[in-house]
N, C-alpha and C. Protein backbone atom coordinates (compact mmCIF):
# COMPACT_ATOMS: atom_id res chain seq x y z
N UNK A 1 157.05 38.68 55.11
CA UNK A 1 156.39 38.88 53.81
C UNK A 1 157.32 38.39 52.70
N UNK A 2 156.86 37.37 51.96
CA UNK A 2 157.77 36.72 51.01
C UNK A 2 156.99 36.15 49.81
N UNK A 3 157.39 36.53 48.63
CA UNK A 3 156.86 35.96 47.39
C UNK A 3 157.92 35.03 46.82
N UNK A 4 157.58 33.74 46.72
CA UNK A 4 158.54 32.76 46.22
C UNK A 4 158.10 32.26 44.85
N UNK A 5 158.94 32.47 43.86
CA UNK A 5 158.70 32.02 42.49
C UNK A 5 159.73 30.93 42.21
N UNK A 6 159.25 29.73 41.93
CA UNK A 6 160.16 28.59 41.81
C UNK A 6 160.03 27.93 40.43
N UNK A 7 161.06 28.08 39.63
CA UNK A 7 161.17 27.46 38.29
C UNK A 7 159.92 27.72 37.44
N UNK A 8 159.49 28.96 37.44
CA UNK A 8 158.27 29.35 36.74
C UNK A 8 158.50 29.39 35.22
N UNK A 9 157.61 28.72 34.48
CA UNK A 9 157.74 28.64 33.02
C UNK A 9 156.38 28.80 32.35
N UNK A 10 156.42 29.34 31.13
CA UNK A 10 155.23 29.41 30.30
C UNK A 10 155.63 29.19 28.86
N UNK A 11 155.01 28.18 28.24
CA UNK A 11 155.32 27.86 26.85
C UNK A 11 154.06 27.93 26.00
N UNK A 12 154.18 28.60 24.85
CA UNK A 12 153.10 28.66 23.85
C UNK A 12 153.59 27.90 22.62
N UNK A 13 153.05 26.72 22.39
CA UNK A 13 153.46 25.88 21.26
C UNK A 13 155.00 25.80 21.20
N UNK A 14 155.63 26.44 20.21
CA UNK A 14 157.08 26.33 20.09
C UNK A 14 157.84 27.47 20.74
N UNK A 15 157.13 28.40 21.37
CA UNK A 15 157.79 29.55 21.99
C UNK A 15 157.75 29.46 23.51
N UNK A 16 158.91 29.62 24.13
CA UNK A 16 159.00 29.68 25.58
C UNK A 16 159.01 31.15 25.98
N UNK A 17 157.90 31.59 26.58
CA UNK A 17 157.76 33.01 26.93
C UNK A 17 158.45 33.33 28.26
N UNK A 18 158.38 32.39 29.20
CA UNK A 18 159.06 32.52 30.49
C UNK A 18 159.77 31.20 30.74
N UNK A 19 161.07 31.29 31.04
CA UNK A 19 161.90 30.09 31.05
C UNK A 19 162.52 29.83 32.43
N UNK A 20 161.80 29.07 33.25
CA UNK A 20 162.31 28.56 34.53
C UNK A 20 162.89 29.65 35.43
N UNK A 21 162.10 30.66 35.70
CA UNK A 21 162.55 31.75 36.58
C UNK A 21 162.33 31.36 38.04
N UNK A 22 163.38 31.50 38.83
CA UNK A 22 163.30 31.32 40.28
C UNK A 22 163.72 32.62 40.94
N UNK A 23 162.91 33.06 41.90
CA UNK A 23 163.11 34.39 42.46
C UNK A 23 162.36 34.48 43.79
N UNK A 24 162.96 35.13 44.77
CA UNK A 24 162.29 35.40 46.03
C UNK A 24 162.28 36.90 46.27
N UNK A 25 161.09 37.45 46.48
CA UNK A 25 160.94 38.89 46.69
C UNK A 25 160.43 39.17 48.09
N UNK A 26 161.01 40.19 48.70
CA UNK A 26 160.56 40.63 50.01
C UNK A 26 160.05 42.07 49.90
N UNK A 27 159.65 42.62 51.02
CA UNK A 27 159.09 43.97 51.06
C UNK A 27 160.02 44.97 50.38
N UNK A 28 159.44 45.84 49.55
CA UNK A 28 160.21 46.84 48.82
C UNK A 28 159.75 46.94 47.39
N UNK A 29 160.39 47.83 46.64
CA UNK A 29 160.07 48.04 45.22
C UNK A 29 161.09 47.28 44.37
N UNK A 30 160.57 46.43 43.50
CA UNK A 30 161.42 45.63 42.61
C UNK A 30 161.12 46.06 41.17
N UNK A 31 162.09 46.68 40.54
CA UNK A 31 161.90 47.22 39.19
C UNK A 31 162.26 46.20 38.13
N UNK A 32 161.33 45.94 37.20
CA UNK A 32 161.52 44.93 36.16
C UNK A 32 161.71 45.61 34.81
N UNK A 33 162.86 45.37 34.20
CA UNK A 33 163.19 45.93 32.90
C UNK A 33 163.35 44.83 31.87
N UNK A 34 163.09 45.17 30.61
CA UNK A 34 163.27 44.20 29.52
C UNK A 34 162.68 44.75 28.25
N UNK A 35 163.22 44.33 27.12
CA UNK A 35 162.72 44.77 25.83
C UNK A 35 161.32 44.19 25.57
N UNK A 36 160.62 44.74 24.60
CA UNK A 36 159.35 44.16 24.18
C UNK A 36 159.56 42.71 23.77
N UNK A 37 158.70 41.82 24.26
CA UNK A 37 158.84 40.41 23.93
C UNK A 37 159.75 39.65 24.87
N UNK A 38 160.26 40.32 25.91
CA UNK A 38 161.16 39.65 26.86
C UNK A 38 160.43 38.67 27.76
N UNK A 39 159.10 38.82 27.87
CA UNK A 39 158.32 37.92 28.72
C UNK A 39 157.80 38.57 29.99
N UNK A 40 158.00 39.88 30.13
CA UNK A 40 157.63 40.58 31.38
C UNK A 40 156.13 40.48 31.68
N UNK A 41 155.31 40.81 30.69
CA UNK A 41 153.87 40.82 30.93
C UNK A 41 153.34 39.40 31.19
N UNK A 42 153.84 38.42 30.46
CA UNK A 42 153.46 37.02 30.72
C UNK A 42 153.83 36.63 32.13
N UNK A 43 155.03 37.00 32.55
CA UNK A 43 155.51 36.71 33.89
C UNK A 43 154.59 37.33 34.94
N UNK A 44 154.24 38.60 34.75
CA UNK A 44 153.40 39.29 35.73
C UNK A 44 151.97 38.74 35.75
N UNK A 45 151.46 38.37 34.59
CA UNK A 45 150.11 37.80 34.53
C UNK A 45 150.04 36.45 35.25
N UNK A 46 151.13 35.70 35.22
CA UNK A 46 151.16 34.45 35.99
C UNK A 46 151.20 34.74 37.49
N UNK A 47 151.93 35.77 37.89
CA UNK A 47 152.00 36.14 39.30
C UNK A 47 150.64 36.60 39.82
N UNK A 48 149.79 37.08 38.92
CA UNK A 48 148.44 37.53 39.30
C UNK A 48 147.41 36.42 39.19
N UNK A 49 147.81 35.24 38.74
CA UNK A 49 146.87 34.13 38.61
C UNK A 49 145.99 34.21 37.38
N UNK A 50 146.31 35.11 36.46
CA UNK A 50 145.52 35.26 35.24
C UNK A 50 145.92 34.20 34.22
N UNK A 51 147.19 33.92 34.14
CA UNK A 51 147.72 32.87 33.26
C UNK A 51 148.18 31.69 34.10
N UNK A 52 147.89 30.50 33.64
CA UNK A 52 148.36 29.31 34.34
C UNK A 52 149.75 28.93 33.82
N UNK A 53 150.71 28.75 34.71
CA UNK A 53 152.06 28.39 34.28
C UNK A 53 152.10 27.01 33.61
N UNK A 54 153.05 26.83 32.71
CA UNK A 54 153.33 25.51 32.16
C UNK A 54 154.04 24.67 33.22
N UNK A 55 154.85 25.34 34.02
CA UNK A 55 155.57 24.66 35.09
C UNK A 55 155.97 25.63 36.18
N UNK A 56 156.28 25.10 37.36
CA UNK A 56 156.74 25.93 38.46
C UNK A 56 155.62 26.33 39.41
N UNK A 57 156.00 27.02 40.49
CA UNK A 57 155.05 27.41 41.53
C UNK A 57 155.24 28.88 41.92
N UNK A 58 154.14 29.45 42.47
CA UNK A 58 154.14 30.82 42.98
C UNK A 58 153.43 30.80 44.32
N UNK A 59 154.09 31.28 45.38
CA UNK A 59 153.45 31.34 46.69
C UNK A 59 153.77 32.67 47.37
N UNK A 60 152.77 33.19 48.10
CA UNK A 60 152.97 34.39 48.92
C UNK A 60 152.75 33.99 50.37
N UNK A 61 153.80 34.06 51.17
CA UNK A 61 153.74 33.61 52.57
C UNK A 61 153.10 32.23 52.68
N UNK A 62 153.48 31.35 51.76
CA UNK A 62 152.99 29.97 51.78
C UNK A 62 151.66 29.74 51.11
N UNK A 63 151.02 30.83 50.64
CA UNK A 63 149.70 30.72 49.98
C UNK A 63 149.91 30.59 48.48
N UNK A 64 149.33 29.56 47.88
CA UNK A 64 149.49 29.33 46.44
C UNK A 64 148.70 30.37 45.64
N UNK A 65 149.24 30.69 44.46
CA UNK A 65 148.62 31.69 43.59
C UNK A 65 147.19 31.35 43.21
N UNK A 66 146.82 30.08 43.25
CA UNK A 66 145.47 29.65 42.86
C UNK A 66 144.43 29.85 43.96
N UNK A 67 144.87 30.20 45.18
CA UNK A 67 143.95 30.29 46.31
C UNK A 67 143.32 31.67 46.43
N UNK A 68 142.11 31.69 46.96
CA UNK A 68 141.39 32.96 47.17
C UNK A 68 142.15 33.89 48.10
N UNK A 69 142.82 33.32 49.09
CA UNK A 69 143.58 34.13 50.05
C UNK A 69 144.70 34.90 49.36
N UNK A 70 145.25 34.34 48.30
CA UNK A 70 146.29 35.03 47.53
C UNK A 70 145.69 36.26 46.85
N UNK A 71 144.52 36.10 46.25
CA UNK A 71 143.88 37.23 45.54
C UNK A 71 143.51 38.36 46.50
N UNK A 72 143.27 38.02 47.75
CA UNK A 72 142.90 39.05 48.73
C UNK A 72 144.06 39.98 49.06
N UNK A 73 145.29 39.51 48.87
CA UNK A 73 146.45 40.36 49.18
C UNK A 73 147.04 41.01 47.93
N UNK A 74 146.42 40.75 46.78
CA UNK A 74 146.97 41.18 45.49
C UNK A 74 146.31 42.44 44.96
N UNK A 75 147.13 43.34 44.44
CA UNK A 75 146.66 44.49 43.68
C UNK A 75 147.36 44.48 42.34
N UNK A 76 146.63 44.77 41.24
CA UNK A 76 147.21 44.62 39.90
C UNK A 76 146.75 45.73 38.98
N UNK A 77 147.70 46.36 38.33
CA UNK A 77 147.39 47.31 37.27
C UNK A 77 147.99 46.76 35.98
N UNK A 78 147.15 46.25 35.07
CA UNK A 78 147.67 45.72 33.80
C UNK A 78 148.08 46.84 32.86
N UNK A 79 148.85 46.48 31.87
CA UNK A 79 149.31 47.48 30.89
C UNK A 79 148.12 48.05 30.11
N UNK A 80 147.17 47.19 29.76
CA UNK A 80 145.95 47.64 29.08
C UNK A 80 144.82 47.59 30.09
N UNK A 81 144.63 48.70 30.78
CA UNK A 81 143.67 48.77 31.86
C UNK A 81 142.26 48.92 31.30
N UNK A 82 141.37 47.97 31.62
CA UNK A 82 139.99 48.00 31.14
C UNK A 82 139.10 48.79 32.08
N UNK A 83 138.14 49.49 31.53
CA UNK A 83 137.23 50.29 32.34
C UNK A 83 135.86 50.33 31.67
N UNK A 84 134.86 50.80 32.40
CA UNK A 84 133.51 50.92 31.87
C UNK A 84 133.26 52.40 31.58
N UNK A 85 133.22 52.81 30.33
CA UNK A 85 133.18 54.23 29.98
C UNK A 85 131.98 55.00 30.53
N UNK A 86 130.85 54.32 30.73
CA UNK A 86 129.65 55.01 31.22
C UNK A 86 129.63 55.15 32.74
N UNK A 87 130.55 54.46 33.43
CA UNK A 87 130.61 54.56 34.88
C UNK A 87 131.29 55.87 35.28
N UNK A 88 130.89 56.41 36.43
CA UNK A 88 131.66 57.50 37.02
C UNK A 88 132.86 56.89 37.74
N UNK A 89 133.82 57.74 38.06
CA UNK A 89 135.01 57.25 38.76
C UNK A 89 134.64 56.58 40.08
N UNK A 90 133.74 57.21 40.83
CA UNK A 90 133.34 56.65 42.13
C UNK A 90 132.59 55.33 41.95
N UNK A 91 131.63 55.30 41.03
CA UNK A 91 130.86 54.07 40.82
C UNK A 91 131.75 52.92 40.37
N UNK A 92 132.74 53.24 39.54
CA UNK A 92 133.66 52.21 39.05
C UNK A 92 134.45 51.61 40.21
N UNK A 93 134.99 52.46 41.08
CA UNK A 93 135.78 51.96 42.21
C UNK A 93 134.89 51.20 43.20
N UNK A 94 133.68 51.68 43.42
CA UNK A 94 132.77 50.97 44.33
C UNK A 94 132.39 49.59 43.77
N UNK A 95 132.22 49.54 42.45
CA UNK A 95 131.90 48.27 41.79
C UNK A 95 133.05 47.28 41.96
N UNK A 96 134.28 47.74 41.72
CA UNK A 96 135.44 46.86 41.87
C UNK A 96 135.66 46.48 43.32
N UNK A 97 135.38 47.39 44.23
CA UNK A 97 135.50 47.08 45.65
C UNK A 97 134.54 45.96 46.05
N UNK A 98 133.33 45.99 45.48
CA UNK A 98 132.36 44.93 45.75
C UNK A 98 132.85 43.59 45.22
N UNK A 99 133.46 43.61 44.02
CA UNK A 99 134.01 42.38 43.45
C UNK A 99 135.13 41.82 44.32
N UNK A 100 135.88 42.72 44.96
CA UNK A 100 136.98 42.29 45.83
C UNK A 100 136.49 41.89 47.21
N UNK A 101 135.19 42.07 47.46
CA UNK A 101 134.61 41.64 48.74
C UNK A 101 134.78 42.63 49.88
N UNK A 102 135.04 43.90 49.57
CA UNK A 102 135.17 44.90 50.63
C UNK A 102 133.79 45.25 51.19
N UNK A 103 133.68 45.37 52.51
CA UNK A 103 132.41 45.83 53.11
C UNK A 103 132.05 47.22 52.58
N UNK A 104 130.76 47.54 52.55
CA UNK A 104 130.31 48.80 51.95
C UNK A 104 130.96 50.02 52.59
N UNK A 105 131.02 50.06 53.91
CA UNK A 105 131.60 51.21 54.60
C UNK A 105 133.07 51.37 54.25
N UNK A 106 133.78 50.25 54.23
CA UNK A 106 135.21 50.27 53.88
C UNK A 106 135.38 50.72 52.43
N UNK A 107 134.53 50.20 51.56
CA UNK A 107 134.62 50.54 50.13
C UNK A 107 134.42 52.04 49.91
N UNK A 108 133.43 52.62 50.57
CA UNK A 108 133.18 54.06 50.42
C UNK A 108 134.35 54.88 50.93
N UNK A 109 134.89 54.48 52.08
CA UNK A 109 136.02 55.21 52.65
C UNK A 109 137.25 55.12 51.77
N UNK A 110 137.56 53.90 51.31
CA UNK A 110 138.74 53.70 50.48
C UNK A 110 138.60 54.42 49.14
N UNK A 111 137.40 54.38 48.56
CA UNK A 111 137.17 55.06 47.28
C UNK A 111 137.44 56.55 47.41
N UNK A 112 136.92 57.15 48.47
CA UNK A 112 137.13 58.58 48.68
C UNK A 112 138.62 58.89 48.89
N UNK A 113 139.28 58.07 49.71
CA UNK A 113 140.71 58.28 50.00
C UNK A 113 141.55 58.17 48.73
N UNK A 114 141.25 57.15 47.93
CA UNK A 114 142.07 56.89 46.75
C UNK A 114 141.85 57.90 45.64
N UNK A 115 140.62 58.36 45.46
CA UNK A 115 140.37 59.39 44.45
C UNK A 115 141.10 60.68 44.82
N UNK A 116 141.19 60.94 46.11
CA UNK A 116 141.96 62.10 46.55
C UNK A 116 143.45 61.87 46.35
N UNK A 117 143.90 60.66 46.66
CA UNK A 117 145.31 60.31 46.53
C UNK A 117 145.82 60.48 45.10
N UNK A 118 144.97 60.10 44.13
CA UNK A 118 145.39 60.19 42.72
C UNK A 118 144.87 61.46 42.04
N UNK A 119 144.47 62.43 42.86
CA UNK A 119 144.05 63.76 42.37
C UNK A 119 142.87 63.69 41.41
N UNK A 120 141.87 62.87 41.76
CA UNK A 120 140.65 62.78 40.96
C UNK A 120 139.41 63.11 41.79
N UNK A 121 139.60 63.69 42.97
CA UNK A 121 138.46 63.95 43.84
C UNK A 121 137.47 64.94 43.24
N UNK A 122 137.95 65.79 42.32
CA UNK A 122 137.04 66.73 41.67
C UNK A 122 136.36 66.13 40.44
N UNK A 123 136.68 64.86 40.14
CA UNK A 123 136.09 64.17 38.99
C UNK A 123 135.24 62.97 39.42
N UNK A 124 134.90 62.93 40.69
CA UNK A 124 134.20 61.79 41.29
C UNK A 124 132.98 61.34 40.51
N UNK A 125 132.17 62.28 40.07
CA UNK A 125 130.91 61.95 39.41
C UNK A 125 130.98 62.05 37.89
N UNK A 126 132.15 62.33 37.35
CA UNK A 126 132.30 62.42 35.90
C UNK A 126 132.45 61.03 35.30
N UNK A 127 131.88 60.84 34.11
CA UNK A 127 132.00 59.55 33.44
C UNK A 127 133.42 59.33 32.95
N UNK A 128 133.87 58.08 33.04
CA UNK A 128 135.24 57.76 32.69
C UNK A 128 135.52 58.05 31.21
N UNK A 129 134.51 57.97 30.36
CA UNK A 129 134.72 58.22 28.93
C UNK A 129 135.15 59.66 28.66
N UNK A 130 134.97 60.56 29.63
CA UNK A 130 135.39 61.95 29.46
C UNK A 130 136.82 62.18 29.95
N UNK A 131 137.44 61.16 30.53
CA UNK A 131 138.77 61.31 31.12
C UNK A 131 139.86 61.32 30.05
N UNK A 132 140.94 62.02 30.33
CA UNK A 132 142.14 61.95 29.50
C UNK A 132 142.86 60.63 29.76
N UNK A 133 143.84 60.31 28.93
CA UNK A 133 144.60 59.07 29.13
C UNK A 133 145.29 59.04 30.48
N UNK A 134 145.86 60.17 30.90
CA UNK A 134 146.52 60.23 32.20
C UNK A 134 145.56 60.04 33.35
N UNK A 135 144.36 60.59 33.22
CA UNK A 135 143.35 60.44 34.28
C UNK A 135 142.90 58.99 34.39
N UNK A 136 142.73 58.32 33.25
CA UNK A 136 142.36 56.90 33.28
C UNK A 136 143.45 56.07 33.95
N UNK A 137 144.71 56.44 33.68
CA UNK A 137 145.82 55.71 34.28
C UNK A 137 145.83 55.93 35.80
N UNK A 138 145.53 57.13 36.23
CA UNK A 138 145.46 57.41 37.67
C UNK A 138 144.33 56.62 38.33
N UNK A 139 143.20 56.49 37.62
CA UNK A 139 142.10 55.69 38.12
C UNK A 139 142.51 54.22 38.22
N UNK A 140 143.29 53.76 37.25
CA UNK A 140 143.80 52.39 37.27
C UNK A 140 144.68 52.13 38.47
N UNK A 141 145.52 53.10 38.82
CA UNK A 141 146.37 52.98 40.00
C UNK A 141 145.51 52.91 41.26
N UNK A 142 144.45 53.73 41.29
CA UNK A 142 143.55 53.73 42.45
C UNK A 142 142.88 52.37 42.64
N UNK A 143 142.40 51.77 41.54
CA UNK A 143 141.71 50.49 41.68
C UNK A 143 142.65 49.39 42.16
N UNK A 144 143.93 49.50 41.79
CA UNK A 144 144.90 48.49 42.23
C UNK A 144 145.15 48.55 43.73
N UNK A 145 144.83 49.70 44.35
CA UNK A 145 145.11 49.89 45.77
C UNK A 145 143.88 49.69 46.66
N UNK A 146 142.73 49.36 46.06
CA UNK A 146 141.48 49.30 46.81
C UNK A 146 141.54 48.41 48.06
N UNK A 147 142.15 47.25 47.92
CA UNK A 147 142.14 46.29 49.03
C UNK A 147 143.41 46.38 49.89
N UNK A 148 144.12 47.54 49.79
CA UNK A 148 145.34 47.75 50.56
C UNK A 148 146.28 46.54 50.41
N UNK A 149 146.69 46.23 49.16
CA UNK A 149 147.40 44.98 48.87
C UNK A 149 148.79 44.89 49.49
N UNK A 150 149.15 43.68 49.86
CA UNK A 150 150.50 43.41 50.34
C UNK A 150 151.41 43.00 49.19
N UNK A 151 150.80 42.62 48.06
CA UNK A 151 151.53 42.31 46.84
C UNK A 151 150.93 43.16 45.73
N UNK A 152 151.72 44.09 45.22
CA UNK A 152 151.24 45.04 44.22
C UNK A 152 152.04 44.89 42.94
N UNK A 153 151.34 44.55 41.85
CA UNK A 153 151.99 44.31 40.56
C UNK A 153 151.54 45.37 39.57
N UNK A 154 152.48 46.14 39.07
CA UNK A 154 152.19 47.30 38.23
C UNK A 154 152.90 47.17 36.89
N UNK A 155 152.13 47.08 35.82
CA UNK A 155 152.68 46.93 34.48
C UNK A 155 152.56 48.28 33.75
N UNK A 156 153.66 48.98 33.63
CA UNK A 156 153.71 50.32 33.01
C UNK A 156 152.74 51.29 33.70
N UNK A 157 152.87 51.49 35.01
CA UNK A 157 151.90 52.32 35.73
C UNK A 157 151.96 53.80 35.40
N UNK A 158 153.10 54.29 34.92
CA UNK A 158 153.21 55.72 34.64
C UNK A 158 153.02 56.05 33.15
N UNK A 159 152.58 55.05 32.36
CA UNK A 159 152.30 55.31 30.95
C UNK A 159 151.14 56.30 30.85
N UNK A 160 151.32 57.31 30.01
CA UNK A 160 150.26 58.29 29.81
C UNK A 160 150.27 59.44 30.80
N UNK A 161 151.17 59.39 31.79
CA UNK A 161 151.25 60.48 32.76
C UNK A 161 152.25 61.52 32.29
N UNK A 162 151.97 62.79 32.58
CA UNK A 162 152.94 63.82 32.22
C UNK A 162 154.10 63.77 33.22
N UNK A 163 155.22 64.45 32.94
CA UNK A 163 156.41 64.34 33.81
C UNK A 163 156.15 64.66 35.27
N UNK A 164 155.32 65.67 35.54
CA UNK A 164 155.02 66.04 36.92
C UNK A 164 154.24 64.93 37.62
N UNK A 165 153.23 64.38 36.93
CA UNK A 165 152.45 63.28 37.49
C UNK A 165 153.32 62.06 37.71
N UNK A 166 154.24 61.82 36.77
CA UNK A 166 155.10 60.64 36.87
C UNK A 166 155.96 60.69 38.12
N UNK A 167 156.51 61.85 38.41
CA UNK A 167 157.33 62.01 39.61
C UNK A 167 156.49 61.78 40.86
N UNK A 168 155.27 62.30 40.84
CA UNK A 168 154.38 62.15 41.99
C UNK A 168 154.04 60.69 42.25
N UNK A 169 153.76 59.94 41.19
CA UNK A 169 153.42 58.54 41.38
C UNK A 169 154.64 57.68 41.66
N UNK A 170 155.77 58.11 41.20
CA UNK A 170 157.02 57.44 41.54
C UNK A 170 157.20 57.51 43.06
N UNK A 171 156.92 58.67 43.63
CA UNK A 171 157.03 58.84 45.08
C UNK A 171 155.99 57.99 45.82
N UNK A 172 154.78 57.91 45.24
CA UNK A 172 153.73 57.08 45.84
C UNK A 172 154.14 55.61 45.85
N UNK A 173 154.67 55.12 44.73
CA UNK A 173 155.09 53.73 44.62
C UNK A 173 156.21 53.43 45.61
N UNK A 174 157.13 54.39 45.76
CA UNK A 174 158.22 54.22 46.73
C UNK A 174 157.67 54.09 48.14
N UNK A 175 156.66 54.88 48.47
CA UNK A 175 156.03 54.81 49.79
C UNK A 175 155.33 53.47 50.00
N UNK A 176 154.62 53.00 48.98
CA UNK A 176 153.91 51.72 49.07
C UNK A 176 154.88 50.57 49.32
N UNK A 177 156.08 50.68 48.78
CA UNK A 177 157.07 49.63 48.94
C UNK A 177 157.59 49.46 50.35
N UNK A 178 157.28 50.42 51.23
CA UNK A 178 157.73 50.31 52.62
C UNK A 178 156.91 49.29 53.40
N UNK A 179 155.70 49.01 52.92
CA UNK A 179 154.81 48.08 53.64
C UNK A 179 154.31 46.93 52.79
N UNK A 180 154.80 46.81 51.57
CA UNK A 180 154.32 45.74 50.69
C UNK A 180 155.41 45.36 49.69
N UNK A 181 155.15 44.27 48.97
CA UNK A 181 156.04 43.87 47.87
C UNK A 181 155.47 44.50 46.61
N UNK A 182 156.25 45.34 45.97
CA UNK A 182 155.83 46.01 44.74
C UNK A 182 156.71 45.54 43.60
N UNK A 183 156.09 45.00 42.55
CA UNK A 183 156.81 44.65 41.33
C UNK A 183 156.37 45.62 40.25
N UNK A 184 157.31 46.40 39.78
CA UNK A 184 157.04 47.48 38.84
C UNK A 184 157.75 47.23 37.52
N UNK A 185 156.97 47.07 36.45
CA UNK A 185 157.54 46.90 35.12
C UNK A 185 157.38 48.20 34.35
N UNK A 186 158.44 48.68 33.73
CA UNK A 186 158.37 49.92 32.97
C UNK A 186 159.50 49.97 31.95
N UNK A 187 159.30 50.79 30.91
CA UNK A 187 160.37 51.06 29.95
C UNK A 187 161.15 52.32 30.35
N UNK A 188 160.67 53.00 31.39
CA UNK A 188 161.31 54.24 31.82
C UNK A 188 162.37 53.90 32.86
N UNK A 189 163.60 53.78 32.39
CA UNK A 189 164.69 53.31 33.26
C UNK A 189 164.90 54.24 34.45
N UNK A 190 164.70 55.55 34.26
CA UNK A 190 164.93 56.50 35.35
C UNK A 190 163.97 56.26 36.51
N UNK A 191 162.74 55.78 36.22
CA UNK A 191 161.79 55.46 37.30
C UNK A 191 162.36 54.36 38.18
N UNK A 192 162.90 53.33 37.54
CA UNK A 192 163.51 52.21 38.27
C UNK A 192 164.72 52.69 39.07
N UNK A 193 165.55 53.49 38.43
CA UNK A 193 166.78 53.95 39.06
C UNK A 193 166.50 54.77 40.32
N UNK A 194 165.41 55.55 40.28
CA UNK A 194 165.11 56.43 41.40
C UNK A 194 164.49 55.71 42.59
N UNK A 195 163.66 54.69 42.36
CA UNK A 195 162.86 54.15 43.47
C UNK A 195 163.05 52.67 43.77
N UNK A 196 163.66 51.91 42.87
CA UNK A 196 163.72 50.46 43.08
C UNK A 196 164.75 50.07 44.13
N UNK A 197 164.32 49.22 45.05
CA UNK A 197 165.26 48.63 46.02
C UNK A 197 166.08 47.54 45.34
N UNK A 198 165.50 46.95 44.30
CA UNK A 198 166.17 45.88 43.56
C UNK A 198 165.82 46.01 42.08
N UNK A 199 166.80 45.78 41.22
CA UNK A 199 166.60 45.83 39.78
C UNK A 199 166.59 44.41 39.23
N UNK A 200 165.58 44.11 38.39
CA UNK A 200 165.48 42.83 37.71
C UNK A 200 165.47 43.09 36.21
N UNK A 201 166.13 42.25 35.45
CA UNK A 201 166.12 42.38 33.99
C UNK A 201 165.80 41.04 33.36
N UNK A 202 164.88 41.07 32.38
CA UNK A 202 164.51 39.86 31.64
C UNK A 202 164.91 39.99 30.18
N UNK A 203 165.32 38.87 29.62
CA UNK A 203 165.64 38.79 28.19
C UNK A 203 165.31 37.38 27.71
N UNK A 204 164.55 37.28 26.63
CA UNK A 204 164.18 35.99 26.05
C UNK A 204 163.59 35.04 27.09
N UNK A 205 162.74 35.60 27.97
CA UNK A 205 162.05 34.77 28.95
C UNK A 205 162.86 34.40 30.17
N UNK A 206 164.10 34.85 30.23
CA UNK A 206 164.96 34.49 31.35
C UNK A 206 165.32 35.72 32.17
N UNK A 207 165.58 35.50 33.45
CA UNK A 207 166.06 36.56 34.33
C UNK A 207 167.57 36.65 34.15
N UNK A 208 168.04 37.79 33.63
CA UNK A 208 169.48 37.91 33.33
C UNK A 208 170.22 38.80 34.33
N UNK A 209 169.46 39.53 35.15
CA UNK A 209 170.12 40.36 36.17
C UNK A 209 169.19 40.53 37.35
N UNK A 210 169.76 40.48 38.56
CA UNK A 210 169.02 40.71 39.80
C UNK A 210 169.98 41.30 40.81
N UNK A 211 169.62 42.45 41.36
CA UNK A 211 170.48 43.02 42.38
C UNK A 211 170.19 44.48 42.67
N UNK A 212 170.74 44.97 43.76
CA UNK A 212 170.65 46.38 44.07
C UNK A 212 171.58 47.13 43.12
N UNK A 213 171.07 48.24 42.55
CA UNK A 213 171.89 48.89 41.53
C UNK A 213 173.16 49.48 42.10
N UNK A 214 173.19 49.87 43.36
CA UNK A 214 174.40 50.44 43.90
C UNK A 214 175.54 49.42 44.04
N UNK A 215 175.21 48.16 43.73
CA UNK A 215 176.25 47.13 43.72
C UNK A 215 177.04 47.16 42.42
N UNK A 216 176.53 47.88 41.43
CA UNK A 216 177.17 47.93 40.12
C UNK A 216 177.55 49.36 39.79
N UNK A 217 178.78 49.57 39.39
CA UNK A 217 179.21 50.92 39.03
C UNK A 217 178.66 51.31 37.66
N UNK A 218 178.44 52.60 37.50
CA UNK A 218 178.01 53.08 36.20
C UNK A 218 176.54 53.46 36.17
N UNK A 219 176.10 53.86 34.99
CA UNK A 219 174.74 54.34 34.77
C UNK A 219 173.82 53.17 34.43
N UNK A 220 172.67 53.11 35.11
CA UNK A 220 171.74 51.99 34.90
C UNK A 220 171.24 51.93 33.47
N UNK A 221 170.87 53.07 32.90
CA UNK A 221 170.34 53.06 31.54
C UNK A 221 171.37 52.55 30.54
N UNK A 222 172.62 52.97 30.71
CA UNK A 222 173.68 52.50 29.81
C UNK A 222 173.88 51.00 29.94
N UNK A 223 173.86 50.51 31.18
CA UNK A 223 174.01 49.08 31.42
C UNK A 223 172.84 48.31 30.79
N UNK A 224 171.64 48.83 31.00
CA UNK A 224 170.44 48.19 30.47
C UNK A 224 170.48 48.12 28.95
N UNK A 225 170.78 49.24 28.31
CA UNK A 225 170.81 49.28 26.84
C UNK A 225 171.88 48.35 26.28
N UNK A 226 172.96 48.19 27.01
CA UNK A 226 174.03 47.30 26.55
C UNK A 226 173.56 45.85 26.48
N UNK A 227 172.64 45.49 27.39
CA UNK A 227 172.13 44.11 27.40
C UNK A 227 171.28 43.82 26.17
N UNK A 228 170.74 44.89 25.56
CA UNK A 228 169.82 44.71 24.44
C UNK A 228 170.27 45.48 23.21
N UNK A 229 171.56 45.73 23.12
CA UNK A 229 172.07 46.59 22.05
C UNK A 229 171.84 46.02 20.66
N UNK A 230 171.63 44.71 20.58
CA UNK A 230 171.36 44.10 19.28
C UNK A 230 169.87 44.04 18.98
N UNK A 231 169.05 44.60 19.93
CA UNK A 231 167.60 44.55 19.75
C UNK A 231 167.05 45.96 19.74
N UNK A 232 165.83 46.09 19.28
CA UNK A 232 165.14 47.37 19.29
C UNK A 232 164.42 47.53 20.59
N UNK A 233 164.94 48.37 21.48
CA UNK A 233 164.32 48.58 22.79
C UNK A 233 163.78 50.00 22.91
């Protein structure tokens, strides 16, 4: 299982949002840190095939990001998770499962499993518009897992969750990393420190750090803040 990113770039007129990033990811949790405007979301959106790169390539086990086979192994939770407010939680997941091409029996089983996994089984028939921010975020995590993805990209997945929920989902993400490639972007450094097999840091569209944190002495948050001490992070 291998995600290969080769000289990946994205330019908007005079701004380079992602600047020739080369990276190979294997099974495990990879934590992505960076200040606002560092290029993290642009980078992740290219990995999901939502944005077309200006240059470079993305392949998962030899499958190009533009291919349908790539989308079949992908799960994605964007930072701004869109939903249909009049849908119930179950109907929403079943609808997305159909879009992903899951057979009806599989879709029903996975929907039930995932609503239980994210502690929404008692809200199955409730309309999403009645959900709290944390509940919507939990539903977003569930939809990202519908197709049992081998490549899971999570942009601020614990935003809106209370501390107890955050710890629970941190443990879930850690478990998912045992059988898939998980790329997790967050501003919560402690989440990365607790569960990431590898730490990645971006600044000004470039990858400025990559490695297992136990290779570096000291506190991760202090090290991270030092990289951006001249910026508002």
